[in-house]
């Protein structure tokens, strides 16, 4: 369960405060895989980072039950001077999981080879994606936050990533941001639409997609 209490968040744009989320009061049910829809700049990534605890709201707060991942696909929490292995072990300690088990999983899954023991600042964007996706999938969360993940690598690696993700979604909920509607329909069974600072919950995914597409035409 995720509950928003009078949540507001905005940013200064040309010296003026502009809210992207405004007085949000909503309860998201547990165990659902939700597509988060909204136009570019609507605040989807901002909302995900607030839910994860990476970003403070200006007003209000988020109440959560169960374990929630950081936004999969967001590597901003990595320490660039630490190696992939060191970052992985640090995350394991933060989330109280076995460091060796997570390290072994991420090293095998990410296929980074010797780069796993090199500083993250030397990684390409694709390598960072492999590392963060591997760490996220290596921990059993109740809810996964998935922010525009694009599986890096060749076809075999993408197939492996999708198989692991399907396995996790069979046992967990998710909030997923993606421009790929086919992907959203594969993994999600309900949706949230963020428009004009307001968030609406839809139990019908296709209805939400229709509302979102109508918003884009306005």
Protein backbone atom coordinates (compact mmCIF):
# COMPACT_ATOMS: atom_id res chain seq x y z
CA UNK A 1 0.00 0.00 0.00
CA UNK A 2 1.19 3.49 -0.88
CA UNK A 3 -0.75 6.47 0.45
CA UNK A 4 -0.16 10.12 -0.45
CA UNK A 5 -1.10 12.73 2.14
CA UNK A 6 -1.50 16.24 0.69
CA UNK A 7 1.69 15.74 -1.34
CA UNK A 8 3.06 18.76 -3.18
CA UNK A 9 6.33 19.10 -5.11
CA UNK A 10 7.50 21.78 -7.50
CA UNK A 11 10.57 23.47 -8.90
CA UNK A 12 11.74 27.00 -9.62
CA UNK A 13 11.51 27.76 -13.34
CA UNK A 14 12.77 31.19 -14.42
CA UNK A 15 12.41 32.36 -10.84
CA UNK A 16 8.81 31.14 -10.48
CA UNK A 17 7.63 28.15 -8.44
CA UNK A 18 5.82 25.63 -10.62
CA UNK A 19 4.25 22.56 -8.97
CA UNK A 20 4.43 19.25 -10.82
CA UNK A 21 2.46 17.44 -8.08
CA UNK A 22 -0.14 19.45 -6.18
CA UNK A 23 -2.06 18.50 -2.98
CA UNK A 24 -2.10 14.82 -3.89
CA UNK A 25 -4.30 12.62 -1.69
CA UNK A 26 -4.60 9.06 -2.97
CA UNK A 27 -4.21 5.46 -1.80
CA UNK A 28 -2.68 2.94 -4.20
CA UNK A 29 -3.74 -0.65 -3.42
CA UNK A 30 -1.18 -3.35 -2.69
CA UNK A 31 -0.25 -6.14 -5.08
CA UNK A 32 -1.06 -4.32 -8.32
CA UNK A 33 1.31 -3.68 -11.21
CA UNK A 34 0.61 -0.12 -12.25
CA UNK A 35 1.57 1.80 -15.36
CA UNK A 36 2.41 5.43 -14.53
CA UNK A 37 1.33 7.52 -17.52
CA UNK A 38 1.89 11.19 -18.22
CA UNK A 39 3.31 13.53 -20.82
CA UNK A 40 7.01 14.43 -20.81
CA UNK A 41 7.70 16.78 -17.91
CA UNK A 42 4.52 15.82 -16.05
CA UNK A 43 6.52 14.73 -13.01
CA UNK A 44 6.55 10.93 -13.32
CA UNK A 45 10.23 10.50 -12.40
CA UNK A 46 9.85 13.08 -9.63
CA UNK A 47 6.94 11.13 -8.14
CA UNK A 48 8.88 7.87 -8.35
CA UNK A 49 11.85 9.37 -6.53
CA UNK A 50 9.60 10.77 -3.80
CA UNK A 51 8.02 7.34 -3.30
CA UNK A 52 11.48 5.78 -3.12
CA UNK A 53 12.62 8.36 -0.58
CA UNK A 54 15.30 9.81 -2.85
CA UNK A 55 13.58 13.21 -3.07
CA UNK A 56 11.77 15.27 -0.46
CA UNK A 57 8.29 16.63 -1.05
CA UNK A 58 7.72 20.34 -0.47
CA UNK A 59 4.59 19.58 1.54
CA UNK A 60 2.81 16.45 2.73
CA UNK A 61 4.23 12.96 2.91
CA UNK A 62 4.04 9.40 1.56
CA UNK A 63 2.97 6.49 3.76
CA UNK A 64 4.08 3.03 2.62
CA UNK A 65 3.75 -0.56 3.79
CA UNK A 66 6.08 -3.31 2.59
CA UNK A 67 9.47 -2.94 0.96
CA UNK A 68 9.87 -0.61 -2.02
CA UNK A 69 12.79 -0.55 -4.44
CA UNK A 70 14.64 2.51 -5.62
CA UNK A 71 13.63 3.46 -9.20
CA UNK A 72 15.03 0.71 -11.40
CA UNK A 73 16.89 2.48 -14.19
CA UNK A 74 17.93 5.37 -11.94
CA UNK A 75 21.63 5.07 -11.09
CA UNK A 76 22.02 8.43 -9.37
CA UNK A 77 22.48 6.79 -5.96
CA UNK A 78 25.68 5.01 -6.99
CA UNK A 79 28.95 6.35 -5.64
CA UNK A 80 31.03 6.98 -8.78
CA UNK A 81 34.37 6.32 -7.07
CA UNK A 82 33.30 2.92 -5.73
CA UNK A 83 33.41 -0.17 -7.91
CA UNK A 84 30.32 -2.01 -9.04
CA UNK A 85 31.12 -4.69 -6.47
CA UNK A 86 31.50 -2.15 -3.66
CA UNK A 87 28.26 -0.39 -4.58
CA UNK A 88 26.49 -3.75 -4.64
CA UNK A 89 27.75 -4.72 -1.19
CA UNK A 90 26.77 -1.30 0.15
CA UNK A 91 23.22 -1.70 -1.19
CA UNK A 92 23.04 -5.19 0.33
CA UNK A 93 23.86 -3.79 3.76
CA UNK A 94 21.33 -0.95 3.37
CA UNK A 95 18.54 -3.42 2.56
CA UNK A 96 19.74 -6.08 5.03
CA UNK A 97 20.29 -8.86 2.49
CA UNK A 98 23.24 -11.24 2.25
CA UNK A 99 26.15 -9.33 0.69
CA UNK A 100 27.79 -12.37 -0.91
CA UNK A 101 24.53 -13.65 -2.41
CA UNK A 102 23.64 -10.30 -3.92
CA UNK A 103 27.18 -9.75 -5.17
CA UNK A 104 27.25 -13.17 -6.85
CA UNK A 105 23.84 -12.58 -8.44
CA UNK A 106 24.69 -9.11 -9.78
CA UNK A 107 28.09 -10.14 -11.08
CA UNK A 108 26.60 -13.10 -12.95
CA UNK A 109 23.52 -11.26 -14.18
CA UNK A 110 25.15 -8.01 -15.30
CA UNK A 111 27.86 -9.71 -17.38
CA UNK A 112 30.21 -6.82 -16.60
CA UNK A 113 33.25 -9.07 -16.28
CA UNK A 114 36.29 -7.31 -14.87
CA UNK A 115 34.43 -3.98 -14.98
CA UNK A 116 32.42 -5.16 -11.95
CA UNK A 117 35.59 -4.40 -9.95
CA UNK A 118 36.20 -1.01 -11.58
CA UNK A 119 34.84 2.41 -10.46
CA UNK A 120 31.30 3.14 -11.63
CA UNK A 121 32.50 6.49 -13.05
CA UNK A 122 34.23 4.47 -15.80
CA UNK A 123 30.98 2.77 -16.84
CA UNK A 124 28.98 3.55 -19.95
CA UNK A 125 25.26 4.25 -19.59
CA UNK A 126 24.47 0.70 -20.65
CA UNK A 127 26.82 -0.75 -18.03
CA UNK A 128 25.19 1.36 -15.31
CA UNK A 129 21.78 0.08 -16.45
CA UNK A 130 22.98 -3.51 -16.18
CA UNK A 131 24.36 -2.89 -12.70
CA UNK A 132 21.28 -1.14 -11.30
CA UNK A 133 18.87 -3.60 -12.91
CA UNK A 134 20.87 -6.54 -11.56
CA UNK A 135 20.92 -5.09 -8.04
CA UNK A 136 17.18 -4.40 -8.14
CA UNK A 137 16.29 -7.87 -9.39
CA UNK A 138 18.63 -9.44 -6.84
CA UNK A 139 16.51 -8.14 -3.93
CA UNK A 140 12.97 -9.37 -3.28
CA UNK A 141 10.91 -6.18 -2.95
CA UNK A 142 7.15 -6.03 -2.38
CA UNK A 143 6.90 -3.18 -4.89
CA UNK A 144 9.33 -2.39 -7.71
CA UNK A 145 9.63 1.14 -9.07
CA UNK A 146 10.60 0.88 -12.74
CA UNK A 147 11.58 4.11 -14.50
CA UNK A 148 12.11 3.79 -18.25
CA UNK A 149 14.29 0.68 -18.13
CA UNK A 150 15.77 -0.21 -21.50
CA UNK A 151 17.53 -3.54 -21.45
CA UNK A 152 21.09 -2.90 -22.55
CA UNK A 153 23.09 -5.48 -24.42
CA UNK A 154 22.44 -8.04 -27.13
CA UNK A 155 19.26 -10.03 -27.75
CA UNK A 156 20.30 -12.82 -25.38
CA UNK A 157 20.86 -10.36 -22.53
CA UNK A 158 17.53 -8.61 -23.17
CA UNK A 159 15.75 -11.97 -23.14
CA UNK A 160 17.41 -12.87 -19.84
CA UNK A 161 16.44 -9.51 -18.33
CA UNK A 162 12.82 -9.88 -19.39
CA UNK A 163 12.63 -13.42 -17.96
CA UNK A 164 13.94 -12.28 -14.56
CA UNK A 165 11.60 -9.29 -14.55
CA UNK A 166 8.57 -11.48 -15.33
CA UNK A 167 9.53 -13.79 -12.48
CA UNK A 168 9.70 -10.88 -10.03
CA UNK A 169 6.38 -9.41 -11.23
CA UNK A 170 4.64 -12.75 -10.61
CA UNK A 171 5.27 -12.27 -6.87
CA UNK A 172 5.43 -8.47 -6.43
CA UNK A 173 3.66 -5.27 -7.32
CA UNK A 174 5.16 -2.50 -9.42
CA UNK A 175 4.82 1.08 -10.58
CA UNK A 176 6.22 1.28 -14.08
CA UNK A 177 7.05 4.23 -16.35
CA UNK A 178 7.56 3.44 -20.02
CA UNK A 179 6.69 4.93 -23.40
CA UNK A 180 6.33 1.36 -24.71
CA UNK A 181 2.61 0.60 -24.43
CA UNK A 182 3.14 -3.03 -25.46
CA UNK A 183 5.53 -3.44 -22.52
CA UNK A 184 3.07 -1.78 -20.14
CA UNK A 185 0.25 -4.05 -21.28
CA UNK A 186 2.47 -7.09 -20.75
CA UNK A 187 3.39 -6.28 -17.15
CA UNK A 188 0.66 -3.98 -15.79
CA UNK A 189 -2.94 -4.62 -14.77
CA UNK A 190 -3.96 -1.09 -13.71
CA UNK A 191 -2.64 2.45 -14.10
CA UNK A 192 -2.04 5.91 -12.73
CA UNK A 193 -2.33 9.02 -14.93
CA UNK A 194 -0.40 12.14 -13.88
CA UNK A 195 -1.64 15.30 -15.55
CA UNK A 196 -1.52 18.90 -14.42
CA UNK A 197 -0.24 17.99 -10.97
CA UNK A 198 -3.14 15.57 -10.38
CA UNK A 199 -2.85 11.79 -10.13
CA UNK A 200 -5.77 9.51 -11.00
CA UNK A 201 -6.01 5.76 -10.38
CA UNK A 202 -7.59 3.47 -13.00
CA UNK A 203 -8.36 -0.19 -12.39
CA UNK A 204 -8.72 -0.58 -16.17
CA UNK A 205 -5.37 -0.16 -17.96
CA UNK A 206 -6.90 0.41 -21.40
CA UNK A 207 -9.14 3.18 -20.05
CA UNK A 208 -6.09 4.87 -18.53
CA UNK A 209 -4.16 4.64 -21.80
CA UNK A 210 -7.12 6.21 -23.64
CA UNK A 211 -7.29 9.10 -21.12
CA UNK A 212 -3.52 9.59 -21.38
CA UNK A 213 -3.61 9.68 -25.17
CA UNK A 214 -6.49 12.21 -25.08
CA UNK A 215 -4.38 14.37 -22.74
CA UNK A 216 -1.53 14.37 -25.25
CA UNK A 217 -3.87 15.80 -27.91
CA UNK A 218 -4.92 18.77 -25.75
